Structures are given as C-alpha cells and as structure tokens.
Amino acid sequence: MTINKNRFSIYKICMLALLTAMMVLLKRTIAIETPYFKFSFASLPIVLGAMVFGPIEGAVVGLLGEFVAQITGPYGLAPTTVLYVAPAAIRGLVVGCGALACRRSGRRLESRPVLCYAVCIAGAILTTVGNTFSIWLECLMYRTSFAVNLPFLPGRFLTGIATAVGITTACIPLVHALRRSGVLKYMD
C-alpha cells in the first residue's frame, strides 16, 4: 500500500515540475506582451494541472511558474514580486475547484465543455482582478498614480477572456488525450 502511495506522490511531483517548467517556457516563447496587456499560453499548464490534479496543485503550478518567470525575467526579485506571483494561483484554484466539484458529481470538467469554458473564463477574470489589485498596491507602495492604468482595464479583461477561450479550447482535447494515452494512469 505504501509503495503505491509513494509512487503516486513521486509521479505527481514530477508532473507538477514539468507543468511548472512548461509554464515558464510558454511565458518566454509564445507571448505577446506590452506594459498594458499580455496574451500568452502560459496559463495552459496551470489549467492542465488544475483539471487533472485539483485546486492546490493548479495553484502551486501557477505560483512556482510565475515566481521563476519573475525572478529570471526582466523584473528580477523585487519587493513587488509577491504581488505579481499571487494572482497566478487564482486561475489554478478556480479551475481546480470546478474540476473537483465535477469529479465528485461523477463527470469530469473536460467532459462538460460549456461548464469548462465558464469556469476557465471565471478564473481568467478573477486572475485579471488579482493582477489589477497588484498594480493598485504597487502604485500605493511607490506613490504613483493608478489612474494611468484605468484606460487599459477593459482591454486587459478582454485579453484575459480571449486567452481563457484559447486555453480551454486546447485543454479539453489535451486532457482527453492524456487520459486515453495512459499518461495519467496514477491519477484515476
């Protein structure tokens, strides 16, 4: 019994590490980023981790991936790093909670496309709210004006929703394929 439990834990840790590395890679390579909006597929591993493992694991992928991206990117380790790392966990928590609720009802989230899109869009909106809150806190910390960011808020929300639709469109068949292939054999 303990061998299977250890095997499950090691497998899960390895999968979460791969998803975290994938997030950093996607954030660096396939991204369109300006100071006012961002379009990338970096949230794909967060959504995958949340749909397959659950809310805590999805949040961990988001936190670790964003932390590594922050400290290895142009921002480095700064007093505001925590502000911008925390919202990445929101998407994992929201999608993971949706996936967990569906799993408990007997049908997986990826098997309910409309609900899956709704949950992923809700996660994106709440993540954008978290990022906007982080920008506001940073403005308070450095005594700068938050009003400069206000004209860009609608675009940030629309970009977040568009990204969520793209990520969900990719995730649904990807999770189905991973389950069929046996890659997730220890998860069922």
C-alpha atoms as a PDB file:
ATOM      1  CA  MET A   1       0.000   0.000   0.000  1.00  0.00           C
ATOM      2  CA  THR A   2       2.772   2.486   0.832  1.00  0.00           C
ATOM      3  CA  ILE A   3       4.625   1.725  -2.407  1.00  0.00           C
ATOM      4  CA  ASN A   4       1.618   2.820  -4.473  1.00  0.00           C
ATOM      5  CA  LYS A   5       1.182   5.936  -2.328  1.00  0.00           C
ATOM      6  CA  ASN A   6       4.876   6.851  -2.735  1.00  0.00           C
ATOM      7  CA  ARG A   7       4.688   6.154  -6.460  1.00  0.00           C
ATOM      8  CA  PHE A   8       1.659   8.453  -6.705  1.00  0.00           C
ATOM      9  CA  SER A   9       3.456  11.232  -4.792  1.00  0.00           C
ATOM     10  CA  ILE A  10       6.641  10.995  -6.865  1.00  0.00           C
ATOM     11  CA  TYR A  11       4.615  10.885 -10.068  1.00  0.00           C
ATOM     12  CA  LYS A  12       2.580  13.933  -9.005  1.00  0.00           C
ATOM     13  CA  ILE A  13       5.690  15.911  -8.030  1.00  0.00           C
ATOM     14  CA  CYS A  14       7.303  15.118 -11.380  1.00  0.00           C
ATOM     15  CA  MET A  15       4.168  16.094 -13.294  1.00  0.00           C
ATOM     16  CA  LEU A  16       3.866  19.377 -11.381  1.00  0.00           C
ATOM     17  CA  ALA A  17       7.547  20.138 -12.019  1.00  0.00           C
ATOM     18  CA  LEU A  18       7.065  19.501 -15.741  1.00  0.00           C
ATOM     19  CA  LEU A  19       3.973  21.703 -15.830  1.00  0.00           C
ATOM     20  CA  THR A  20       5.838  24.474 -13.983  1.00  0.00           C
ATOM     21  CA  ALA A  21       8.741  24.296 -16.441  1.00  0.00           C
ATOM     22  CA  MET A  22       6.272  24.290 -19.312  1.00  0.00           C
ATOM     23  CA  MET A  23       4.633  27.436 -17.917  1.00  0.00           C
ATOM     24  CA  VAL A  24       7.955  29.299 -17.741  1.00  0.00           C
ATOM     25  CA  LEU A  25       8.833  28.198 -21.270  1.00  0.00           C
ATOM     26  CA  LEU A  26       5.458  29.245 -22.691  1.00  0.00           C
ATOM     27  CA  LYS A  27       5.670  32.576 -20.879  1.00  0.00           C
ATOM     28  CA  ARG A  28       9.046  33.260 -22.508  1.00  0.00           C
ATOM     29  CA  THR A  29       8.425  31.984 -26.025  1.00  0.00           C
ATOM     30  CA  ILE A  30       4.816  32.202 -27.177  1.00  0.00           C
ATOM     31  CA  ALA A  31       3.720  35.538 -25.763  1.00  0.00           C
ATOM     32  CA  ILE A  32       2.712  38.988 -26.911  1.00  0.00           C
ATOM     33  CA  GLU A  33       3.369  41.351 -24.047  1.00  0.00           C
ATOM     34  CA  THR A  34       3.165  45.115 -23.677  1.00  0.00           C
ATOM     35  CA  PRO A  35       3.086  47.159 -20.481  1.00  0.00           C
ATOM     36  CA  TYR A  36      -0.711  47.255 -20.732  1.00  0.00           C
ATOM     37  CA  PHE A  37      -1.815  43.791 -21.820  1.00  0.00           C
ATOM     38  CA  LYS A  38      -0.475  40.288 -22.203  1.00  0.00           C
ATOM     39  CA  PHE A  39      -1.524  37.417 -24.468  1.00  0.00           C
ATOM     40  CA  SER A  40       0.225  34.112 -23.873  1.00  0.00           C
ATOM     41  CA  PHE A  41      -0.369  30.421 -23.414  1.00  0.00           C
ATOM     42  CA  ALA A  42       1.461  30.398 -20.068  1.00  0.00           C
ATOM     43  CA  SER A  43      -1.752  29.572 -18.221  1.00  0.00           C
ATOM     44  CA  LEU A  44      -2.170  26.309 -20.170  1.00  0.00           C
ATOM     45  CA  PRO A  45      -0.089  24.292 -17.642  1.00  0.00           C
ATOM     46  CA  ILE A  46      -1.993  25.877 -14.748  1.00  0.00           C
ATOM     47  CA  VAL A  47      -5.323  24.840 -16.249  1.00  0.00           C
ATOM     48  CA  LEU A  48      -3.992  21.360 -17.097  1.00  0.00           C
ATOM     49  CA  GLY A  49      -2.666  20.884 -13.562  1.00  0.00           C
ATOM     50  CA  ALA A  50      -5.911  22.112 -12.040  1.00  0.00           C
ATOM     51  CA  MET A  51      -8.122  19.933 -14.261  1.00  0.00           C
ATOM     52  CA  VAL A  52      -6.066  16.786 -13.710  1.00  0.00           C
ATOM     53  CA  PHE A  53      -4.893  17.140 -10.098  1.00  0.00           C
ATOM     54  CA  GLY A  54      -7.074  19.749  -8.379  1.00  0.00           C
ATOM     55  CA  PRO A  55      -7.047  23.285  -6.981  1.00  0.00           C
ATOM     56  CA  ILE A  56      -3.970  23.102  -4.755  1.00  0.00           C
ATOM     57  CA  GLU A  57      -1.808  21.594  -7.467  1.00  0.00           C
ATOM     58  CA  GLY A  58      -3.068  24.087 -10.064  1.00  0.00           C
ATOM     59  CA  ALA A  59      -2.265  26.940  -7.677  1.00  0.00           C
ATOM     60  CA  VAL A  60       1.214  25.524  -6.988  1.00  0.00           C
ATOM     61  CA  VAL A  61       1.988  25.351 -10.722  1.00  0.00           C
ATOM     62  CA  GLY A  62       0.828  28.975 -11.064  1.00  0.00           C
ATOM     63  CA  LEU A  63       2.794  30.217  -8.055  1.00  0.00           C
ATOM     64  CA  LEU A  64       6.038  28.416  -8.853  1.00  0.00           C
ATOM     65  CA  GLY A  65       5.882  29.095 -12.587  1.00  0.00           C
ATOM     66  CA  GLU A  66       5.201  32.796 -12.124  1.00  0.00           C
ATOM     67  CA  PHE A  67       7.868  33.079  -9.414  1.00  0.00           C
ATOM     68  CA  VAL A  68      10.532  31.518 -11.655  1.00  0.00           C
ATOM     69  CA  ALA A  69       9.413  33.685 -14.588  1.00  0.00           C
ATOM     70  CA  GLN A  70       9.537  36.818 -12.416  1.00  0.00           C
ATOM     71  CA  ILE A  71      12.973  36.273 -10.912  1.00  0.00           C
ATOM     72  CA  THR A  72      14.589  35.077 -14.164  1.00  0.00           C
ATOM     73  CA  GLY A  73      12.914  37.733 -16.301  1.00  0.00           C
ATOM     74  CA  PRO A  74      13.414  41.456 -16.593  1.00  0.00           C
ATOM     75  CA  TYR A  75      11.838  42.202 -13.205  1.00  0.00           C
ATOM     76  CA  GLY A  76      14.077  40.071 -11.007  1.00  0.00           C
ATOM     77  CA  LEU A  77      13.442  39.648  -7.315  1.00  0.00           C
ATOM     78  CA  ALA A  78      11.835  42.840  -6.051  1.00  0.00           C
ATOM     79  CA  PRO A  79       9.570  43.959  -3.200  1.00  0.00           C
ATOM     80  CA  THR A  80       6.606  43.616  -5.585  1.00  0.00           C
ATOM     81  CA  THR A  81       7.399  40.051  -6.693  1.00  0.00           C
ATOM     82  CA  VAL A  82       4.870  38.570  -4.269  1.00  0.00           C
ATOM     83  CA  LEU A  83       2.187  40.921  -5.589  1.00  0.00           C
ATOM     84  CA  TYR A  84       2.541  39.601  -9.115  1.00  0.00           C
ATOM     85  CA  VAL A  85       3.116  35.948  -8.239  1.00  0.00           C
ATOM     86  CA  ALA A  86      -0.017  35.542  -6.126  1.00  0.00           C
ATOM     87  CA  PRO A  87      -2.648  36.188  -8.853  1.00  0.00           C
ATOM     88  CA  ALA A  88      -1.261  33.317 -10.931  1.00  0.00           C
ATOM     89  CA  ALA A  89      -2.587  30.939  -8.288  1.00  0.00           C
ATOM     90  CA  ILE A  90      -6.145  32.245  -8.638  1.00  0.00           C
ATOM     91  CA  ARG A  91      -6.725  30.574 -12.006  1.00  0.00           C
ATOM     92  CA  GLY A  92      -5.487  27.238 -10.637  1.00  0.00           C
ATOM     93  CA  LEU A  93      -7.740  27.491  -7.602  1.00  0.00           C
ATOM     94  CA  VAL A  94     -10.857  28.402  -9.604  1.00  0.00           C
ATOM     95  CA  VAL A  95     -10.395  25.778 -12.338  1.00  0.00           C
ATOM     96  CA  GLY A  96      -9.286  23.168  -9.799  1.00  0.00           C
ATOM     97  CA  CYS A  97     -12.354  23.752  -7.621  1.00  0.00           C
ATOM     98  CA  GLY A  98     -14.566  23.422 -10.705  1.00  0.00           C
ATOM     99  CA  ALA A  99     -12.803  20.213 -11.707  1.00  0.00           C
ATOM    100  CA  LEU A 100     -13.052  18.825  -8.170  1.00  0.00           C
ATOM    101  CA  ALA A 101     -16.776  19.599  -7.955  1.00  0.00           C
ATOM    102  CA  CYS A 102     -17.375  17.909 -11.309  1.00  0.00           C
ATOM    103  CA  ARG A 103     -15.286  14.895 -10.325  1.00  0.00           C
ATOM    104  CA  ARG A 104     -17.348  14.478  -7.147  1.00  0.00           C
ATOM    105  CA  SER A 105     -20.565  14.577  -9.165  1.00  0.00           C
ATOM    106  CA  GLY A 106     -19.274  11.723 -11.321  1.00  0.00           C
ATOM    107  CA  ARG A 107     -18.366  13.535 -14.541  1.00  0.00           C
ATOM    108  CA  ARG A 108     -15.091  15.308 -15.272  1.00  0.00           C
ATOM    109  CA  LEU A 109     -14.875  19.011 -16.127  1.00  0.00           C
ATOM    110  CA  GLU A 110     -13.378  18.368 -19.570  1.00  0.00           C
ATOM    111  CA  SER A 111     -16.468  16.261 -20.386  1.00  0.00           C
ATOM    112  CA  ARG A 112     -18.697  19.294 -19.797  1.00  0.00           C
ATOM    113  CA  PRO A 113     -17.469  21.825 -22.378  1.00  0.00           C
ATOM    114  CA  VAL A 114     -19.882  24.683 -21.582  1.00  0.00           C
ATOM    115  CA  LEU A 115     -19.137  24.465 -17.869  1.00  0.00           C
ATOM    116  CA  CYS A 116     -15.420  24.098 -18.608  1.00  0.00           C
ATOM    117  CA  TYR A 117     -15.410  27.307 -20.662  1.00  0.00           C
ATOM    118  CA  ALA A 118     -17.410  29.128 -17.971  1.00  0.00           C
ATOM    119  CA  VAL A 119     -15.049  28.018 -15.184  1.00  0.00           C
ATOM    120  CA  CYS A 120     -11.922  28.898 -17.173  1.00  0.00           C
ATOM    121  CA  ILE A 121     -13.306  32.325 -18.121  1.00  0.00           C
ATOM    122  CA  ALA A 122     -14.246  32.962 -14.483  1.00  0.00           C
ATOM    123  CA  GLY A 123     -10.692  32.011 -13.499  1.00  0.00           C
ATOM    124  CA  ALA A 124      -9.281  34.410 -16.086  1.00  0.00           C
ATOM    125  CA  ILE A 125     -11.493  37.269 -14.924  1.00  0.00           C
ATOM    126  CA  LEU A 126     -10.572  36.710 -11.277  1.00  0.00           C
ATOM    127  CA  THR A 127      -6.879  36.483 -12.216  1.00  0.00           C
ATOM    128  CA  THR A 128      -7.163  39.819 -14.034  1.00  0.00           C
ATOM    129  CA  VAL A 129      -8.860  41.295 -10.958  1.00  0.00           C
ATOM    130  CA  GLY A 130      -5.952  39.969  -8.859  1.00  0.00           C
ATOM    131  CA  ASN A 131      -3.377  41.454 -11.233  1.00  0.00           C
ATOM    132  CA  THR A 132      -5.216  44.780 -11.252  1.00  0.00           C
ATOM    133  CA  PHE A 133      -5.249  44.747  -7.450  1.00  0.00           C
ATOM    134  CA  SER A 134      -1.488  44.067  -7.524  1.00  0.00           C
ATOM    135  CA  ILE A 135      -0.953  47.045  -9.829  1.00  0.00           C
ATOM    136  CA  TRP A 136      -3.003  49.211  -7.459  1.00  0.00           C
ATOM    137  CA  LEU A 137      -0.963  48.034  -4.455  1.00  0.00           C
ATOM    138  CA  GLU A 138       2.267  48.709  -6.351  1.00  0.00           C
ATOM    139  CA  CYS A 139       1.031  52.225  -7.124  1.00  0.00           C
ATOM    140  CA  LEU A 140       0.385  52.744  -3.422  1.00  0.00           C
ATOM    141  CA  MET A 141       3.817  51.376  -2.493  1.00  0.00           C
ATOM    142  CA  TYR A 142       5.686  53.603  -4.939  1.00  0.00           C
ATOM    143  CA  ARG A 143       3.268  56.539  -4.680  1.00  0.00           C
ATOM    144  CA  THR A 144       2.390  56.610  -8.352  1.00  0.00           C
ATOM    145  CA  SER A 145      -0.978  57.199  -9.993  1.00  0.00           C
ATOM    146  CA  PHE A 146      -3.234  54.231 -10.643  1.00  0.00           C
ATOM    147  CA  ALA A 147      -5.357  56.397 -12.957  1.00  0.00           C
ATOM    148  CA  VAL A 148      -2.807  55.851 -15.753  1.00  0.00           C
ATOM    149  CA  ASN A 149      -3.895  52.188 -15.876  1.00  0.00           C
ATOM    150  CA  LEU A 150      -7.653  52.799 -16.000  1.00  0.00           C
ATOM    151  CA  PRO A 151      -7.999  53.194 -19.802  1.00  0.00           C
ATOM    152  CA  PHE A 152      -6.343  49.797 -20.294  1.00  0.00           C
ATOM    153  CA  LEU A 153      -8.591  47.817 -17.924  1.00  0.00           C
ATOM    154  CA  PRO A 154     -11.267  46.838 -20.494  1.00  0.00           C
ATOM    155  CA  GLY A 155      -8.559  45.596 -22.860  1.00  0.00           C
ATOM    156  CA  ARG A 156      -6.908  43.611 -20.073  1.00  0.00           C
ATOM    157  CA  PHE A 157     -10.200  41.882 -19.245  1.00  0.00           C
ATOM    158  CA  LEU A 158     -10.970  41.171 -22.917  1.00  0.00           C
ATOM    159  CA  THR A 159      -7.468  39.789 -23.462  1.00  0.00           C
ATOM    160  CA  GLY A 160      -7.878  37.587 -20.369  1.00  0.00           C
ATOM    161  CA  ILE A 161     -11.191  36.236 -21.626  1.00  0.00           C
ATOM    162  CA  ALA A 162      -9.800  35.621 -25.127  1.00  0.00           C
ATOM    163  CA  THR A 163      -6.810  33.822 -23.639  1.00  0.00           C
ATOM    164  CA  ALA A 164      -9.115  31.689 -21.477  1.00  0.00           C
ATOM    165  CA  VAL A 165     -11.162  30.669 -24.519  1.00  0.00           C
ATOM    166  CA  GLY A 166      -7.990  29.683 -26.389  1.00  0.00           C
ATOM    167  CA  ILE A 167      -6.548  27.794 -23.421  1.00  0.00           C
ATOM    168  CA  THR A 168      -9.808  25.938 -22.791  1.00  0.00           C
ATOM    169  CA  THR A 169     -10.111  25.033 -26.459  1.00  0.00           C
ATOM    170  CA  ALA A 170      -6.635  23.489 -26.264  1.00  0.00           C
ATOM    171  CA  CYS A 171      -7.075  21.882 -22.827  1.00  0.00           C
ATOM    172  CA  ILE A 172     -10.277  19.916 -23.376  1.00  0.00           C
ATOM    173  CA  PRO A 173      -8.917  17.606 -26.119  1.00  0.00           C
ATOM    174  CA  LEU A 174      -5.481  17.574 -24.480  1.00  0.00           C
ATOM    175  CA  VAL A 175      -6.810  16.242 -21.167  1.00  0.00           C
ATOM    176  CA  HIS A 176      -8.943  13.675 -23.019  1.00  0.00           C
ATOM    177  CA  ALA A 177      -5.869  12.551 -24.982  1.00  0.00           C
ATOM    178  CA  LEU A 178      -3.709  12.360 -21.840  1.00  0.00           C
ATOM    179  CA  ARG A 179      -6.309  10.209 -20.089  1.00  0.00           C
ATOM    180  CA  ARG A 180      -6.675   7.874 -23.102  1.00  0.00           C
ATOM    181  CA  SER A 181      -2.904   7.530 -23.566  1.00  0.00           C
ATOM    182  CA  GLY A 182      -2.329   6.294 -20.017  1.00  0.00           C
ATOM    183  CA  VAL A 183      -0.026   9.179 -19.065  1.00  0.00           C
ATOM    184  CA  LEU A 184      -2.365   9.910 -16.172  1.00  0.00           C
ATOM    185  CA  LYS A 185      -2.647   6.272 -15.084  1.00  0.00           C
ATOM    186  CA  TYR A 186      -1.834   7.064 -11.454  1.00  0.00           C
ATOM    187  CA  MET A 187      -4.439   9.839 -11.309  1.00  0.00           C
ATOM    188  CA  ASP A 188      -7.575   7.751 -11.781  1.00  0.00           C
END
